[in-house]
Amino acid sequence: MQWGLIFGNNEVMIPFRKLSRTQRSKLIAAYLYRQIRLMRAFDDYYREDLTALFFRGLESAINYGLDNLKEAVDEVEANVPDTEEFSAQEGTYAQNLMIALMYLLLYVQAGNEEDLIRCVDSALNNIDLINYEMDENYAENGGVVREIMAVQKLLSSMAELDKVDTLDGLFDLAVDLV
């Protein structure tokens, strides 16, 4: 799956385009947060602690503290798991999620739409991997519909999302990964 299949859908694209940069950042942070169990699985499997870094990165994205964003980007980039070293599926999931987080932070920092697209594409790689693991005959269309519904749910929660400035608030709004 790719950005365009989800965010190019008119029911998502039209309200998403109306959002401010801060609102988009919070929405995508909640979208990434949906995959937190994948980061925890990586930590459990490899006895690492990327979840704490992932939380700090999301916190930087939703608090919009431009002063610490460069440091956050650098720390996330330095800790993206190498799938040669972390070769189990958990390594791939964590790699995709950390890359997604890095691009989200870059978007927050500079406002470049391409960073946001790369962020979502990286997160969607995990959705595809999970679906293919569950069913080798997985039809992408079903996954696209579920992701559109997830983003629509977040968009419908935008008033609450605007008030989010902590991970607890983000957790309350994030929808579970299928």
Foldseek 3Di string as FASTA:
>chain_A
DFPCLQCVPPLNVVLLVVDDLLLNLLLVLLQLVLCLVLLVVLCVVVVDPCSVLNQVLSLCSNQLPLVCLVVSLVVLVVPQQDCVVVVPVSSLQSNLSSQLSSLSSVCSNPVDVVSNRSSVRSNVVVVVVVQCVVPVPDDVVVVSVVSNVQSSQSSVCSVQSNPDNHVVSSVVRRDHRD
